[in-house]
Amino acid sequence: MPGVNDPSLLGTSGQNLDDIDLQSTIESRVQILENCLKWSAIGPTCPDTLSCYPYVKNDPFIITDTPHVFFAGNQPKFETRVFHGSNDIQVRLLCIPSFAQSNSCIALNLSTRECYEISFQNETPQLIQ
């Protein structure tokens, strides 16, 4: 795992969360993201219900190094939390909404891992509290 001053990010375009949402009763997308981190699997439903190449010898969707930030794009709404793992590991989990549907984006401070949603609904961008 990279050092504190060299943050690592791991993200997807969100199909993995969409597929798990269809197959489960988990209501929160950020909870699905946390579960993927706990399972050490980016795409736990691949290739059964999420299309991908069926790898035989190794699975490129296994999380081997814990990232500082784990995100999924194209989600229905902005959600975030900090996952606290063993050995004082902290991972910022981010569900990033589709810009086309939400007219908002996410600002992430890589030093503090604080994040904010910025709305572009009006002429002047505004932080959403």
N, C-alpha and C. Protein backbone atom coordinates (compact mmCIF):
# COMPACT_ATOMS: atom_id res chain seq x y z
N MET A 1 0.85 -1.17 0.00
CA MET A 1 0.00 0.00 0.00
C MET A 1 0.89 1.23 0.00
N PRO A 2 0.59 2.21 -0.89
CA PRO A 2 1.39 3.42 -0.92
C PRO A 2 1.32 4.18 0.41
N GLY A 3 2.28 5.06 0.63
CA GLY A 3 2.31 5.84 1.85
C GLY A 3 1.20 6.87 1.93
N VAL A 4 1.09 7.51 3.08
CA VAL A 4 0.04 8.49 3.31
C VAL A 4 0.14 9.65 2.32
N ASN A 5 1.34 10.04 1.96
CA ASN A 5 1.52 11.16 1.04
C ASN A 5 1.42 10.75 -0.42
N ASP A 6 1.16 9.49 -0.67
CA ASP A 6 1.04 8.96 -2.03
C ASP A 6 -0.24 8.14 -2.11
N PRO A 7 -1.39 8.83 -2.11
CA PRO A 7 -2.67 8.10 -2.03
C PRO A 7 -2.94 7.24 -3.27
N SER A 8 -3.56 6.10 -3.02
CA SER A 8 -3.96 5.23 -4.11
C SER A 8 -5.48 5.27 -4.25
N LEU A 9 -5.94 5.26 -5.49
CA LEU A 9 -7.36 5.28 -5.79
C LEU A 9 -7.72 4.05 -6.60
N LEU A 10 -8.89 3.50 -6.33
CA LEU A 10 -9.41 2.38 -7.08
C LEU A 10 -10.86 2.70 -7.39
N GLY A 11 -11.23 2.61 -8.67
CA GLY A 11 -12.59 2.96 -9.01
C GLY A 11 -13.13 2.20 -10.20
N THR A 12 -14.45 2.25 -10.32
CA THR A 12 -15.13 1.61 -11.43
C THR A 12 -16.15 2.59 -11.99
N SER A 13 -16.70 2.24 -13.13
CA SER A 13 -17.75 3.07 -13.73
C SER A 13 -19.11 2.76 -13.14
N GLY A 14 -19.19 1.79 -12.23
CA GLY A 14 -20.40 1.56 -11.46
C GLY A 14 -21.24 0.35 -11.84
N GLN A 15 -20.91 -0.34 -12.94
CA GLN A 15 -21.70 -1.51 -13.32
C GLN A 15 -21.66 -2.60 -12.25
N ASN A 16 -20.54 -2.72 -11.55
CA ASN A 16 -20.44 -3.73 -10.51
C ASN A 16 -21.45 -3.47 -9.39
N LEU A 17 -21.61 -2.22 -8.98
CA LEU A 17 -22.59 -1.90 -7.95
C LEU A 17 -24.02 -2.06 -8.47
N ASP A 18 -24.24 -1.66 -9.72
CA ASP A 18 -25.57 -1.82 -10.32
C ASP A 18 -25.99 -3.29 -10.32
N ASP A 19 -25.06 -4.18 -10.68
CA ASP A 19 -25.38 -5.59 -10.76
C ASP A 19 -25.63 -6.19 -9.38
N ILE A 20 -24.81 -5.83 -8.41
CA ILE A 20 -25.02 -6.32 -7.05
C ILE A 20 -26.36 -5.81 -6.51
N ASP A 21 -26.69 -4.56 -6.83
CA ASP A 21 -27.97 -3.99 -6.40
C ASP A 21 -29.15 -4.80 -6.95
N LEU A 22 -29.03 -5.25 -8.20
CA LEU A 22 -30.10 -6.06 -8.79
C LEU A 22 -30.22 -7.44 -8.15
N GLN A 23 -29.09 -7.96 -7.65
CA GLN A 23 -29.05 -9.33 -7.13
C GLN A 23 -29.23 -9.43 -5.62
N SER A 24 -29.31 -8.29 -4.91
CA SER A 24 -29.31 -8.34 -3.45
C SER A 24 -30.40 -7.45 -2.86
N THR A 25 -30.47 -7.47 -1.55
CA THR A 25 -31.41 -6.61 -0.82
C THR A 25 -30.69 -5.47 -0.12
N ILE A 26 -29.42 -5.28 -0.41
CA ILE A 26 -28.66 -4.18 0.19
C ILE A 26 -29.21 -2.88 -0.37
N GLU A 27 -29.61 -1.96 0.51
CA GLU A 27 -30.29 -0.74 0.06
C GLU A 27 -29.35 0.41 -0.26
N SER A 28 -28.19 0.44 0.34
CA SER A 28 -27.26 1.56 0.16
C SER A 28 -26.13 1.18 -0.79
N ARG A 29 -25.92 2.01 -1.79
CA ARG A 29 -24.83 1.74 -2.74
C ARG A 29 -23.47 1.84 -2.05
N VAL A 30 -23.34 2.74 -1.09
CA VAL A 30 -22.05 2.85 -0.40
C VAL A 30 -21.82 1.60 0.47
N GLN A 31 -22.88 0.97 0.93
CA GLN A 31 -22.73 -0.30 1.67
C GLN A 31 -22.27 -1.41 0.72
N ILE A 32 -22.79 -1.41 -0.49
CA ILE A 32 -22.33 -2.38 -1.49
C ILE A 32 -20.84 -2.18 -1.76
N LEU A 33 -20.43 -0.92 -1.89
CA LEU A 33 -19.02 -0.61 -2.13
C LEU A 33 -18.16 -1.11 -0.95
N GLU A 34 -18.63 -0.88 0.26
CA GLU A 34 -17.90 -1.36 1.44
C GLU A 34 -17.82 -2.88 1.45
N ASN A 35 -18.92 -3.53 1.08
CA ASN A 35 -18.90 -5.00 1.03
C ASN A 35 -17.88 -5.50 0.01
N CYS A 36 -17.81 -4.86 -1.15
CA CYS A 36 -16.81 -5.25 -2.16
C CYS A 36 -15.40 -5.14 -1.58
N LEU A 37 -15.16 -4.09 -0.81
CA LEU A 37 -13.85 -3.93 -0.17
C LEU A 37 -13.60 -5.05 0.84
N LYS A 38 -14.60 -5.36 1.65
CA LYS A 38 -14.46 -6.44 2.64
C LYS A 38 -14.26 -7.79 1.96
N TRP A 39 -14.95 -8.01 0.83
CA TRP A 39 -14.82 -9.26 0.09
C TRP A 39 -13.54 -9.31 -0.74
N SER A 40 -12.84 -8.18 -0.84
CA SER A 40 -11.63 -8.04 -1.68
C SER A 40 -11.94 -8.36 -3.14
N ALA A 41 -13.13 -7.96 -3.58
CA ALA A 41 -13.55 -8.26 -4.96
C ALA A 41 -14.23 -7.04 -5.57
N ILE A 42 -13.66 -6.55 -6.66
CA ILE A 42 -14.27 -5.41 -7.36
C ILE A 42 -15.56 -5.84 -8.03
N GLY A 43 -15.54 -7.02 -8.63
CA GLY A 43 -16.72 -7.50 -9.36
C GLY A 43 -17.09 -8.90 -8.91
N PRO A 44 -17.68 -9.06 -7.72
CA PRO A 44 -17.95 -10.40 -7.22
C PRO A 44 -18.98 -11.18 -8.05
N THR A 45 -19.75 -10.51 -8.88
CA THR A 45 -20.74 -11.21 -9.70
C THR A 45 -20.25 -11.52 -11.11
N CYS A 46 -18.98 -11.19 -11.39
CA CYS A 46 -18.39 -11.48 -12.71
C CYS A 46 -17.94 -12.94 -12.74
N PRO A 47 -18.07 -13.66 -13.78
CA PRO A 47 -18.81 -13.38 -15.01
C PRO A 47 -20.24 -13.92 -15.00
N ASP A 48 -20.75 -14.29 -13.80
CA ASP A 48 -22.07 -14.92 -13.73
C ASP A 48 -23.20 -14.02 -14.21
N THR A 49 -23.31 -12.84 -13.61
CA THR A 49 -24.40 -11.94 -14.01
C THR A 49 -23.91 -10.60 -14.53
N LEU A 50 -22.61 -10.35 -14.45
CA LEU A 50 -22.01 -9.15 -15.01
C LEU A 50 -21.01 -9.59 -16.07
N SER A 51 -21.23 -9.17 -17.27
CA SER A 51 -20.40 -9.63 -18.39
C SER A 51 -18.94 -9.26 -18.21
N CYS A 52 -18.10 -10.25 -18.40
CA CYS A 52 -16.66 -10.05 -18.44
C CYS A 52 -16.03 -11.33 -18.98
N TYR A 53 -14.79 -11.25 -19.33
CA TYR A 53 -14.05 -12.41 -19.81
C TYR A 53 -13.85 -13.37 -18.65
N PRO A 54 -14.13 -14.65 -18.80
CA PRO A 54 -13.95 -15.60 -17.70
C PRO A 54 -12.47 -15.99 -17.53
N TYR A 55 -11.81 -15.38 -16.59
CA TYR A 55 -10.40 -15.67 -16.34
C TYR A 55 -10.26 -17.01 -15.63
N VAL A 56 -9.24 -17.78 -16.00
CA VAL A 56 -9.06 -19.12 -15.45
C VAL A 56 -7.98 -19.14 -14.38
N LYS A 57 -6.80 -18.60 -14.67
CA LYS A 57 -5.67 -18.72 -13.76
C LYS A 57 -5.60 -17.62 -12.71
N ASN A 58 -6.04 -16.44 -13.05
CA ASN A 58 -6.03 -15.34 -12.08
C ASN A 58 -7.25 -14.47 -12.30
N ASP A 59 -7.66 -13.79 -11.27
CA ASP A 59 -8.83 -12.92 -11.33
C ASP A 59 -8.36 -11.47 -11.16
N PRO A 60 -8.42 -10.66 -12.22
CA PRO A 60 -7.94 -9.29 -12.11
C PRO A 60 -8.87 -8.39 -11.28
N PHE A 61 -10.01 -8.93 -10.87
CA PHE A 61 -10.96 -8.14 -10.09
C PHE A 61 -10.82 -8.36 -8.58
N ILE A 62 -9.77 -9.05 -8.17
CA ILE A 62 -9.48 -9.24 -6.74
C ILE A 62 -8.67 -8.04 -6.25
N ILE A 63 -9.07 -7.48 -5.12
CA ILE A 63 -8.36 -6.35 -4.53
C ILE A 63 -7.22 -6.91 -3.68
N THR A 64 -5.99 -6.68 -4.12
CA THR A 64 -4.83 -7.19 -3.40
C THR A 64 -4.20 -6.12 -2.50
N ASP A 65 -4.30 -4.86 -2.87
CA ASP A 65 -3.77 -3.75 -2.07
C ASP A 65 -4.92 -2.83 -1.70
N THR A 66 -5.07 -2.54 -0.43
CA THR A 66 -6.16 -1.68 0.02
C THR A 66 -5.91 -0.26 -0.45
N PRO A 67 -6.87 0.33 -1.19
CA PRO A 67 -6.69 1.70 -1.65
C PRO A 67 -7.04 2.71 -0.55
N HIS A 68 -6.60 3.94 -0.72
CA HIS A 68 -7.00 5.02 0.19
C HIS A 68 -8.41 5.51 -0.16
N VAL A 69 -8.74 5.44 -1.45
CA VAL A 69 -10.07 5.87 -1.94
C VAL A 69 -10.60 4.78 -2.86
N PHE A 70 -11.83 4.37 -2.63
CA PHE A 70 -12.50 3.37 -3.46
C PHE A 70 -13.81 4.00 -3.92
N PHE A 71 -13.98 4.12 -5.25
CA PHE A 71 -15.15 4.84 -5.76
C PHE A 71 -15.84 4.10 -6.89
N ALA A 72 -17.10 4.46 -7.09
CA ALA A 72 -17.88 3.96 -8.22
C ALA A 72 -18.64 5.14 -8.81
N GLY A 73 -18.58 5.28 -10.12
CA GLY A 73 -19.27 6.35 -10.80
C GLY A 73 -20.66 5.93 -11.27
N ASN A 74 -21.37 6.89 -11.84
CA ASN A 74 -22.69 6.67 -12.43
C ASN A 74 -23.70 6.09 -11.44
N GLN A 75 -23.64 6.55 -10.22
CA GLN A 75 -24.56 6.08 -9.19
C GLN A 75 -25.78 7.00 -9.09
N PRO A 76 -26.88 6.50 -8.52
CA PRO A 76 -28.10 7.31 -8.45
C PRO A 76 -27.96 8.60 -7.64
N LYS A 77 -27.09 8.54 -6.59
CA LYS A 77 -26.89 9.74 -5.77
C LYS A 77 -25.52 9.69 -5.13
N PHE A 78 -25.10 10.83 -4.59
CA PHE A 78 -23.82 10.93 -3.90
C PHE A 78 -23.95 10.29 -2.52
N GLU A 79 -23.03 9.38 -2.23
CA GLU A 79 -22.94 8.77 -0.91
C GLU A 79 -21.47 8.61 -0.58
N THR A 80 -21.13 8.78 0.68
CA THR A 80 -19.75 8.59 1.10
C THR A 80 -19.70 8.19 2.56
N ARG A 81 -18.63 7.52 2.91
CA ARG A 81 -18.32 7.21 4.30
C ARG A 81 -16.87 6.77 4.34
N VAL A 82 -16.34 6.70 5.54
CA VAL A 82 -14.98 6.20 5.73
C VAL A 82 -15.07 4.80 6.33
N PHE A 83 -14.43 3.86 5.66
CA PHE A 83 -14.35 2.48 6.15
C PHE A 83 -13.14 2.38 7.06
N HIS A 84 -13.33 1.83 8.25
CA HIS A 84 -12.24 1.62 9.20
C HIS A 84 -11.96 0.13 9.28
N GLY A 85 -10.80 -0.27 8.76
CA GLY A 85 -10.41 -1.66 8.77
C GLY A 85 -9.38 -1.96 9.83
N SER A 86 -8.83 -3.14 9.77
CA SER A 86 -7.80 -3.53 10.73
C SER A 86 -6.51 -2.76 10.47
N ASN A 87 -5.66 -2.72 11.47
CA ASN A 87 -4.36 -2.04 11.38
C ASN A 87 -4.51 -0.56 11.05
N ASP A 88 -5.53 0.08 11.58
CA ASP A 88 -5.78 1.52 11.39
C ASP A 88 -5.96 1.90 9.92
N ILE A 89 -6.40 0.97 9.10
CA ILE A 89 -6.66 1.27 7.69
C ILE A 89 -7.95 2.06 7.58
N GLN A 90 -7.88 3.16 6.83
CA GLN A 90 -9.06 3.98 6.55
C GLN A 90 -9.18 4.16 5.05
N VAL A 91 -10.36 3.87 4.54
CA VAL A 91 -10.62 3.99 3.10
C VAL A 91 -11.83 4.90 2.91
N ARG A 92 -11.67 5.93 2.11
CA ARG A 92 -12.80 6.80 1.75
C ARG A 92 -13.59 6.08 0.66
N LEU A 93 -14.85 5.79 0.93
CA LEU A 93 -15.75 5.17 -0.04
C LEU A 93 -16.60 6.26 -0.67
N LEU A 94 -16.69 6.25 -1.99
CA LEU A 94 -17.42 7.30 -2.71
C LEU A 94 -18.33 6.70 -3.77
N CYS A 95 -19.59 7.05 -3.71
CA CYS A 95 -20.52 6.77 -4.80
C CYS A 95 -20.76 8.09 -5.50
N ILE A 96 -20.30 8.17 -6.74
CA ILE A 96 -20.35 9.43 -7.50
C ILE A 96 -21.54 9.40 -8.43
N PRO A 97 -22.41 10.41 -8.33
CA PRO A 97 -23.61 10.41 -9.19
C PRO A 97 -23.27 10.70 -10.64
N SER A 98 -24.13 10.24 -11.52
CA SER A 98 -24.00 10.54 -12.94
C SER A 98 -24.18 12.04 -13.14
N PHE A 99 -23.20 12.69 -13.77
CA PHE A 99 -23.29 14.14 -13.98
C PHE A 99 -24.49 14.49 -14.86
N ALA A 100 -24.76 13.66 -15.85
CA ALA A 100 -25.87 13.92 -16.78
C ALA A 100 -27.21 13.95 -16.05
N GLN A 101 -27.35 13.17 -14.98
CA GLN A 101 -28.60 13.13 -14.24
C GLN A 101 -28.63 14.07 -13.04
N SER A 102 -27.49 14.32 -12.43
CA SER A 102 -27.47 15.10 -11.18
C SER A 102 -26.98 16.53 -11.36
N ASN A 103 -26.28 16.82 -12.45
CA ASN A 103 -25.64 18.12 -12.64
C ASN A 103 -24.73 18.47 -11.46
N SER A 104 -24.06 17.46 -10.94
CA SER A 104 -23.13 17.70 -9.84
C SER A 104 -21.88 16.83 -10.03
N CYS A 105 -20.82 17.26 -9.38
CA CYS A 105 -19.57 16.50 -9.39
C CYS A 105 -19.04 16.45 -7.96
N ILE A 106 -17.98 15.71 -7.76
CA ILE A 106 -17.41 15.54 -6.43
C ILE A 106 -16.00 16.12 -6.40
N ALA A 107 -15.73 16.90 -5.36
CA ALA A 107 -14.39 17.41 -5.12
C ALA A 107 -13.80 16.61 -3.96
N LEU A 108 -12.62 16.04 -4.19
CA LEU A 108 -11.96 15.22 -3.19
C LEU A 108 -10.61 15.82 -2.86
N ASN A 109 -10.38 16.11 -1.59
CA ASN A 109 -9.09 16.58 -1.13
C ASN A 109 -8.24 15.34 -0.86
N LEU A 110 -7.20 15.14 -1.66
CA LEU A 110 -6.38 13.93 -1.53
C LEU A 110 -5.56 13.90 -0.25
N SER A 111 -5.29 15.06 0.34
CA SER A 111 -4.52 15.09 1.59
C SER A 111 -5.37 14.68 2.79
N THR A 112 -6.59 15.24 2.88
CA THR A 112 -7.44 14.96 4.03
C THR A 112 -8.49 13.89 3.73
N ARG A 113 -8.71 13.60 2.46
CA ARG A 113 -9.73 12.68 1.96
C ARG A 113 -11.15 13.14 2.28
N GLU A 114 -11.29 14.45 2.55
CA GLU A 114 -12.62 15.02 2.69
C GLU A 114 -13.17 15.22 1.29
N CYS A 115 -14.49 15.12 1.16
CA CYS A 115 -15.08 15.29 -0.16
C CYS A 115 -16.39 16.06 -0.05
N TYR A 116 -16.72 16.71 -1.16
CA TYR A 116 -17.90 17.55 -1.24
C TYR A 116 -18.56 17.36 -2.58
N GLU A 117 -19.86 17.48 -2.59
CA GLU A 117 -20.62 17.47 -3.84
C GLU A 117 -20.80 18.91 -4.28
N ILE A 118 -20.53 19.18 -5.54
CA ILE A 118 -20.68 20.52 -6.10
C ILE A 118 -21.78 20.48 -7.15
N SER A 119 -22.79 21.33 -6.97
CA SER A 119 -23.93 21.36 -7.89
C SER A 119 -23.73 22.42 -8.96
N PHE A 120 -24.10 22.08 -10.18
CA PHE A 120 -24.05 23.02 -11.30
C PHE A 120 -25.47 23.31 -11.81
N GLN A 121 -26.46 23.21 -10.91
CA GLN A 121 -27.85 23.47 -11.29
C GLN A 121 -28.05 24.94 -11.66
N ASN A 122 -27.34 25.84 -10.99
CA ASN A 122 -27.47 27.28 -11.23
C ASN A 122 -26.26 27.78 -12.00
N GLU A 123 -26.26 29.07 -12.30
CA GLU A 123 -25.12 29.65 -13.02
C GLU A 123 -23.84 29.61 -12.19
N THR A 124 -23.99 29.72 -10.86
CA THR A 124 -22.84 29.69 -9.97
C THR A 124 -22.79 28.33 -9.27
N PRO A 125 -21.69 27.58 -9.41
CA PRO A 125 -21.58 26.29 -8.72
C PRO A 125 -21.71 26.47 -7.22
N GLN A 126 -22.37 25.52 -6.56
CA GLN A 126 -22.60 25.61 -5.12
C GLN A 126 -22.28 24.27 -4.47
N LEU A 127 -21.68 24.37 -3.26
CA LEU A 127 -21.46 23.17 -2.46
C LEU A 127 -22.80 22.69 -1.93
N ILE A 128 -23.03 21.39 -1.96
CA ILE A 128 -24.23 20.82 -1.40
C ILE A 128 -23.90 20.32 -0.01
N GLN A 129 -24.60 20.78 0.98
CA GLN A 129 -24.33 20.39 2.38
C GLN A 129 -25.15 19.20 2.76
